[in-house]
Amino acid sequence: MTHGLKTIIYPAPDLAAAKAIFTELLGVEPTHEAPYYVGYEVAGQHIGLDPNGHRHGAVPYWHVDDIRASIKGLVDAGAQELEPVKDVGGGRQVATLKDAGGNLIGLIQG
């Protein structure tokens, strides 16, 4: 089951420049700031900036109850797994897939 699209992560090779732009755009300071990630919470959405982000562009992440079952269902339906499940801390797991049209699908559990 999905809980909706609540997170989008933008690749940000120049993290300082991206932070300046997104702080202006969103009108708030980051809620999380580290050399490896800057995150914002705005209107029920999490917006992240990742200096090591996906080279294909921004990734929208769907929040799911069971990431492995979701991956299996999507792959069975024709999606391709790009990045397998990895723990990103605090019990949060993420994975990235690609649909038949080449669009990125991110999944988050936890």
N, C-alpha and C. Protein backbone atom coordinates (compact mmCIF):
# COMPACT_ATOMS: atom_id res chain seq x y z
N MET A 1 0.85 -1.19 0.00
CA MET A 1 0.00 0.00 0.00
C MET A 1 0.89 1.25 0.00
N THR A 2 0.48 2.24 -0.74
CA THR A 2 1.23 3.49 -0.78
C THR A 2 0.58 4.53 0.13
N HIS A 3 1.41 5.38 0.66
CA HIS A 3 0.94 6.51 1.47
C HIS A 3 1.10 7.81 0.70
N GLY A 4 1.37 7.69 -0.57
CA GLY A 4 1.45 8.86 -1.43
C GLY A 4 2.87 9.28 -1.74
N LEU A 5 2.94 10.25 -2.59
CA LEU A 5 4.20 10.84 -3.02
C LEU A 5 4.53 11.96 -2.05
N LYS A 6 5.48 11.71 -1.15
CA LYS A 6 5.77 12.67 -0.09
C LYS A 6 7.19 13.20 -0.12
N THR A 7 8.04 12.62 -0.96
CA THR A 7 9.46 12.99 -0.95
C THR A 7 9.95 13.11 -2.38
N ILE A 8 10.74 14.14 -2.62
CA ILE A 8 11.44 14.25 -3.90
C ILE A 8 12.87 14.67 -3.60
N ILE A 9 13.81 13.95 -4.23
CA ILE A 9 15.22 14.22 -4.01
C ILE A 9 15.82 14.72 -5.33
N TYR A 10 16.44 15.91 -5.24
CA TYR A 10 17.08 16.51 -6.41
C TYR A 10 18.59 16.27 -6.35
N PRO A 11 19.21 15.90 -7.46
CA PRO A 11 20.66 15.83 -7.48
C PRO A 11 21.21 17.25 -7.34
N ALA A 12 22.24 17.41 -6.54
CA ALA A 12 22.80 18.74 -6.28
C ALA A 12 24.32 18.67 -6.22
N PRO A 13 24.98 18.56 -7.38
CA PRO A 13 26.44 18.47 -7.37
C PRO A 13 27.10 19.65 -6.65
N ASP A 14 26.52 20.84 -6.77
CA ASP A 14 26.98 22.01 -6.03
C ASP A 14 25.95 22.25 -4.92
N LEU A 15 26.17 21.60 -3.79
CA LEU A 15 25.19 21.61 -2.70
C LEU A 15 24.94 23.01 -2.17
N ALA A 16 25.97 23.83 -2.04
CA ALA A 16 25.80 25.20 -1.52
C ALA A 16 24.92 26.03 -2.45
N ALA A 17 25.14 25.92 -3.75
CA ALA A 17 24.34 26.68 -4.71
C ALA A 17 22.90 26.19 -4.70
N ALA A 18 22.72 24.87 -4.67
CA ALA A 18 21.36 24.31 -4.64
C ALA A 18 20.64 24.73 -3.37
N LYS A 19 21.34 24.71 -2.24
CA LYS A 19 20.73 25.12 -0.97
C LYS A 19 20.25 26.57 -1.05
N ALA A 20 21.06 27.45 -1.60
CA ALA A 20 20.66 28.87 -1.72
C ALA A 20 19.39 29.00 -2.56
N ILE A 21 19.34 28.29 -3.66
CA ILE A 21 18.18 28.37 -4.56
C ILE A 21 16.93 27.81 -3.89
N PHE A 22 17.04 26.62 -3.29
CA PHE A 22 15.86 25.99 -2.70
C PHE A 22 15.40 26.69 -1.42
N THR A 23 16.32 27.28 -0.67
CA THR A 23 15.92 28.05 0.50
C THR A 23 15.10 29.25 0.06
N GLU A 24 15.50 29.89 -1.02
CA GLU A 24 14.73 31.01 -1.56
C GLU A 24 13.39 30.53 -2.11
N LEU A 25 13.40 29.47 -2.89
CA LEU A 25 12.18 28.95 -3.49
C LEU A 25 11.16 28.53 -2.44
N LEU A 26 11.60 27.79 -1.44
CA LEU A 26 10.69 27.24 -0.43
C LEU A 26 10.36 28.21 0.69
N GLY A 27 11.19 29.23 0.88
CA GLY A 27 10.92 30.24 1.90
C GLY A 27 11.16 29.77 3.32
N VAL A 28 11.92 28.69 3.48
CA VAL A 28 12.26 28.17 4.81
C VAL A 28 13.71 27.70 4.81
N GLU A 29 14.29 27.63 6.01
CA GLU A 29 15.63 27.09 6.17
C GLU A 29 15.55 25.56 6.18
N PRO A 30 16.63 24.88 5.84
CA PRO A 30 16.64 23.42 5.88
C PRO A 30 16.37 22.89 7.29
N THR A 31 15.71 21.74 7.35
CA THR A 31 15.50 21.06 8.64
C THR A 31 16.63 20.07 8.90
N HIS A 32 17.36 19.71 7.87
CA HIS A 32 18.51 18.81 8.00
C HIS A 32 19.60 19.32 7.08
N GLU A 33 20.81 19.46 7.63
CA GLU A 33 21.91 19.95 6.81
C GLU A 33 23.19 19.23 7.18
N ALA A 34 23.78 18.58 6.20
CA ALA A 34 25.04 17.87 6.36
C ALA A 34 25.79 17.93 5.03
N PRO A 35 27.08 17.62 5.03
CA PRO A 35 27.83 17.66 3.76
C PRO A 35 27.30 16.69 2.71
N TYR A 36 26.56 15.67 3.15
CA TYR A 36 26.05 14.65 2.22
C TYR A 36 24.57 14.81 1.88
N TYR A 37 23.88 15.82 2.48
CA TYR A 37 22.44 15.93 2.25
C TYR A 37 21.89 17.20 2.91
N VAL A 38 20.98 17.86 2.21
CA VAL A 38 20.22 18.98 2.79
C VAL A 38 18.75 18.67 2.57
N GLY A 39 17.96 18.78 3.63
CA GLY A 39 16.54 18.46 3.53
C GLY A 39 15.64 19.54 4.09
N TYR A 40 14.47 19.66 3.49
CA TYR A 40 13.46 20.65 3.88
C TYR A 40 12.14 19.93 4.12
N GLU A 41 11.35 20.44 5.05
CA GLU A 41 9.98 19.97 5.27
C GLU A 41 9.05 21.14 4.95
N VAL A 42 8.22 20.98 3.94
CA VAL A 42 7.34 22.05 3.49
C VAL A 42 5.98 21.48 3.11
N ALA A 43 4.94 21.93 3.78
CA ALA A 43 3.56 21.56 3.42
C ALA A 43 3.37 20.05 3.31
N GLY A 44 3.93 19.31 4.27
CA GLY A 44 3.77 17.86 4.26
C GLY A 44 4.66 17.12 3.28
N GLN A 45 5.56 17.84 2.64
CA GLN A 45 6.49 17.25 1.67
C GLN A 45 7.91 17.33 2.21
N HIS A 46 8.72 16.34 1.86
CA HIS A 46 10.15 16.40 2.15
C HIS A 46 10.86 16.65 0.83
N ILE A 47 11.66 17.71 0.78
CA ILE A 47 12.44 18.06 -0.40
C ILE A 47 13.90 17.88 -0.01
N GLY A 48 14.62 17.04 -0.75
CA GLY A 48 16.02 16.78 -0.43
C GLY A 48 16.94 17.17 -1.55
N LEU A 49 18.16 17.54 -1.16
CA LEU A 49 19.23 17.87 -2.10
C LEU A 49 20.38 16.92 -1.82
N ASP A 50 20.78 16.16 -2.81
CA ASP A 50 21.79 15.12 -2.64
C ASP A 50 22.96 15.38 -3.58
N PRO A 51 24.16 15.67 -3.03
CA PRO A 51 25.30 15.93 -3.91
C PRO A 51 25.73 14.69 -4.69
N ASN A 52 25.29 13.53 -4.27
CA ASN A 52 25.59 12.29 -4.98
C ASN A 52 24.32 11.73 -5.62
N GLY A 53 23.38 12.62 -5.93
CA GLY A 53 22.07 12.23 -6.42
C GLY A 53 22.07 11.51 -7.75
N HIS A 54 20.95 10.95 -8.07
CA HIS A 54 20.74 10.16 -9.28
C HIS A 54 21.05 11.01 -10.50
N ARG A 55 21.85 10.50 -11.39
CA ARG A 55 22.29 11.29 -12.54
C ARG A 55 21.20 11.52 -13.58
N HIS A 56 20.05 10.87 -13.41
CA HIS A 56 18.96 11.02 -14.37
C HIS A 56 17.98 12.13 -13.98
N GLY A 57 18.26 12.85 -12.93
CA GLY A 57 17.40 13.94 -12.49
C GLY A 57 16.73 13.66 -11.17
N ALA A 58 15.74 14.47 -10.85
CA ALA A 58 15.03 14.36 -9.57
C ALA A 58 14.28 13.03 -9.50
N VAL A 59 14.20 12.48 -8.28
CA VAL A 59 13.49 11.22 -8.08
C VAL A 59 12.33 11.45 -7.11
N PRO A 60 11.09 11.22 -7.58
CA PRO A 60 9.95 11.27 -6.66
C PRO A 60 9.87 9.94 -5.91
N TYR A 61 9.67 10.01 -4.60
CA TYR A 61 9.62 8.80 -3.78
C TYR A 61 8.22 8.58 -3.23
N TRP A 62 7.69 7.38 -3.49
CA TRP A 62 6.42 6.94 -2.95
C TRP A 62 6.69 6.24 -1.63
N HIS A 63 5.94 6.60 -0.61
CA HIS A 63 6.08 5.97 0.71
C HIS A 63 5.19 4.73 0.74
N VAL A 64 5.81 3.59 1.07
CA VAL A 64 5.10 2.30 1.02
C VAL A 64 5.27 1.55 2.35
N ASP A 65 4.35 0.62 2.60
CA ASP A 65 4.42 -0.21 3.81
C ASP A 65 5.48 -1.29 3.71
N ASP A 66 5.62 -1.92 2.54
CA ASP A 66 6.52 -3.05 2.36
C ASP A 66 7.31 -2.84 1.06
N ILE A 67 8.53 -2.35 1.19
CA ILE A 67 9.31 -1.97 0.01
C ILE A 67 9.64 -3.17 -0.87
N ARG A 68 9.94 -4.30 -0.27
CA ARG A 68 10.31 -5.47 -1.08
C ARG A 68 9.10 -6.01 -1.86
N ALA A 69 7.94 -6.03 -1.23
CA ALA A 69 6.73 -6.46 -1.93
C ALA A 69 6.37 -5.47 -3.04
N SER A 70 6.57 -4.18 -2.77
CA SER A 70 6.29 -3.16 -3.78
C SER A 70 7.21 -3.32 -4.98
N ILE A 71 8.49 -3.57 -4.72
CA ILE A 71 9.45 -3.78 -5.81
C ILE A 71 9.04 -5.00 -6.64
N LYS A 72 8.73 -6.08 -5.98
CA LYS A 72 8.34 -7.30 -6.69
C LYS A 72 7.13 -7.05 -7.57
N GLY A 73 6.12 -6.38 -7.02
CA GLY A 73 4.92 -6.09 -7.80
C GLY A 73 5.22 -5.22 -9.01
N LEU A 74 6.05 -4.20 -8.82
CA LEU A 74 6.39 -3.30 -9.92
C LEU A 74 7.23 -4.01 -10.98
N VAL A 75 8.19 -4.82 -10.56
CA VAL A 75 9.01 -5.57 -11.52
C VAL A 75 8.13 -6.56 -12.28
N ASP A 76 7.23 -7.24 -11.57
CA ASP A 76 6.31 -8.17 -12.24
C ASP A 76 5.42 -7.45 -13.25
N ALA A 77 5.14 -6.17 -12.99
CA ALA A 77 4.30 -5.38 -13.89
C ALA A 77 5.09 -4.77 -15.05
N GLY A 78 6.44 -4.93 -15.03
CA GLY A 78 7.24 -4.44 -16.14
C GLY A 78 8.27 -3.38 -15.80
N ALA A 79 8.33 -2.94 -14.54
CA ALA A 79 9.34 -1.96 -14.15
C ALA A 79 10.70 -2.64 -14.06
N GLN A 80 11.75 -1.83 -14.10
CA GLN A 80 13.12 -2.33 -13.99
C GLN A 80 13.75 -1.76 -12.72
N GLU A 81 14.33 -2.62 -11.90
CA GLU A 81 15.00 -2.15 -10.68
C GLU A 81 16.34 -1.53 -11.06
N LEU A 82 16.56 -0.29 -10.64
CA LEU A 82 17.82 0.40 -10.92
C LEU A 82 18.77 0.35 -9.72
N GLU A 83 18.24 0.67 -8.54
CA GLU A 83 19.04 0.66 -7.32
C GLU A 83 18.29 -0.19 -6.30
N PRO A 84 18.93 -1.28 -5.83
CA PRO A 84 18.25 -2.15 -4.88
C PRO A 84 18.03 -1.46 -3.54
N VAL A 85 17.29 -2.12 -2.69
CA VAL A 85 16.98 -1.58 -1.36
C VAL A 85 18.27 -1.30 -0.60
N LYS A 86 18.34 -0.09 -0.02
CA LYS A 86 19.46 0.23 0.86
C LYS A 86 18.93 0.98 2.05
N ASP A 87 19.57 0.78 3.18
CA ASP A 87 19.20 1.47 4.41
C ASP A 87 19.93 2.80 4.43
N VAL A 88 19.18 3.89 4.58
CA VAL A 88 19.79 5.22 4.58
C VAL A 88 19.81 5.83 5.98
N GLY A 89 19.56 5.00 6.99
CA GLY A 89 19.63 5.45 8.37
C GLY A 89 18.27 5.55 9.02
N GLY A 90 18.25 5.31 10.31
CA GLY A 90 17.02 5.43 11.07
C GLY A 90 15.95 4.42 10.69
N GLY A 91 16.36 3.30 10.10
CA GLY A 91 15.39 2.29 9.68
C GLY A 91 14.70 2.60 8.36
N ARG A 92 15.08 3.68 7.73
CA ARG A 92 14.48 4.06 6.45
C ARG A 92 15.19 3.34 5.32
N GLN A 93 14.40 2.70 4.46
CA GLN A 93 14.95 1.99 3.31
C GLN A 93 14.44 2.64 2.04
N VAL A 94 15.32 2.71 1.03
CA VAL A 94 14.95 3.31 -0.25
C VAL A 94 15.38 2.39 -1.39
N ALA A 95 14.71 2.53 -2.51
CA ALA A 95 15.06 1.82 -3.75
C ALA A 95 14.59 2.67 -4.92
N THR A 96 15.19 2.45 -6.08
CA THR A 96 14.79 3.19 -7.28
C THR A 96 14.54 2.22 -8.43
N LEU A 97 13.45 2.46 -9.14
CA LEU A 97 13.08 1.66 -10.30
C LEU A 97 12.84 2.60 -11.48
N LYS A 98 12.65 2.00 -12.66
CA LYS A 98 12.33 2.76 -13.86
C LYS A 98 11.11 2.10 -14.49
N ASP A 99 10.15 2.93 -14.90
CA ASP A 99 8.96 2.38 -15.56
C ASP A 99 9.25 2.14 -17.04
N ALA A 100 8.26 1.65 -17.77
CA ALA A 100 8.43 1.30 -19.18
C ALA A 100 8.80 2.51 -20.03
N GLY A 101 8.43 3.70 -19.60
CA GLY A 101 8.75 4.91 -20.34
C GLY A 101 10.06 5.55 -19.93
N GLY A 102 10.77 4.92 -18.99
CA GLY A 102 12.05 5.46 -18.54
C GLY A 102 11.95 6.41 -17.37
N ASN A 103 10.74 6.61 -16.83
CA ASN A 103 10.55 7.50 -15.69
C ASN A 103 11.02 6.84 -14.41
N LEU A 104 11.63 7.62 -13.53
CA LEU A 104 12.12 7.09 -12.27
C LEU A 104 11.00 6.97 -11.26
N ILE A 105 11.05 5.89 -10.49
CA ILE A 105 10.10 5.66 -9.40
C ILE A 105 10.93 5.34 -8.16
N GLY A 106 10.87 6.20 -7.17
CA GLY A 106 11.54 5.95 -5.91
C GLY A 106 10.55 5.37 -4.91
N LEU A 107 11.03 4.47 -4.06
CA LEU A 107 10.22 3.90 -2.99
C LEU A 107 10.93 4.14 -1.67
N ILE A 108 10.14 4.45 -0.62
CA ILE A 108 10.66 4.63 0.74
C ILE A 108 9.78 3.84 1.68
N GLN A 109 10.44 3.11 2.58
CA GLN A 109 9.75 2.45 3.68
C GLN A 109 10.41 2.91 4.97
N GLY A 110 9.60 3.26 5.93
CA GLY A 110 10.14 3.63 7.25
C GLY A 110 10.15 5.08 7.54
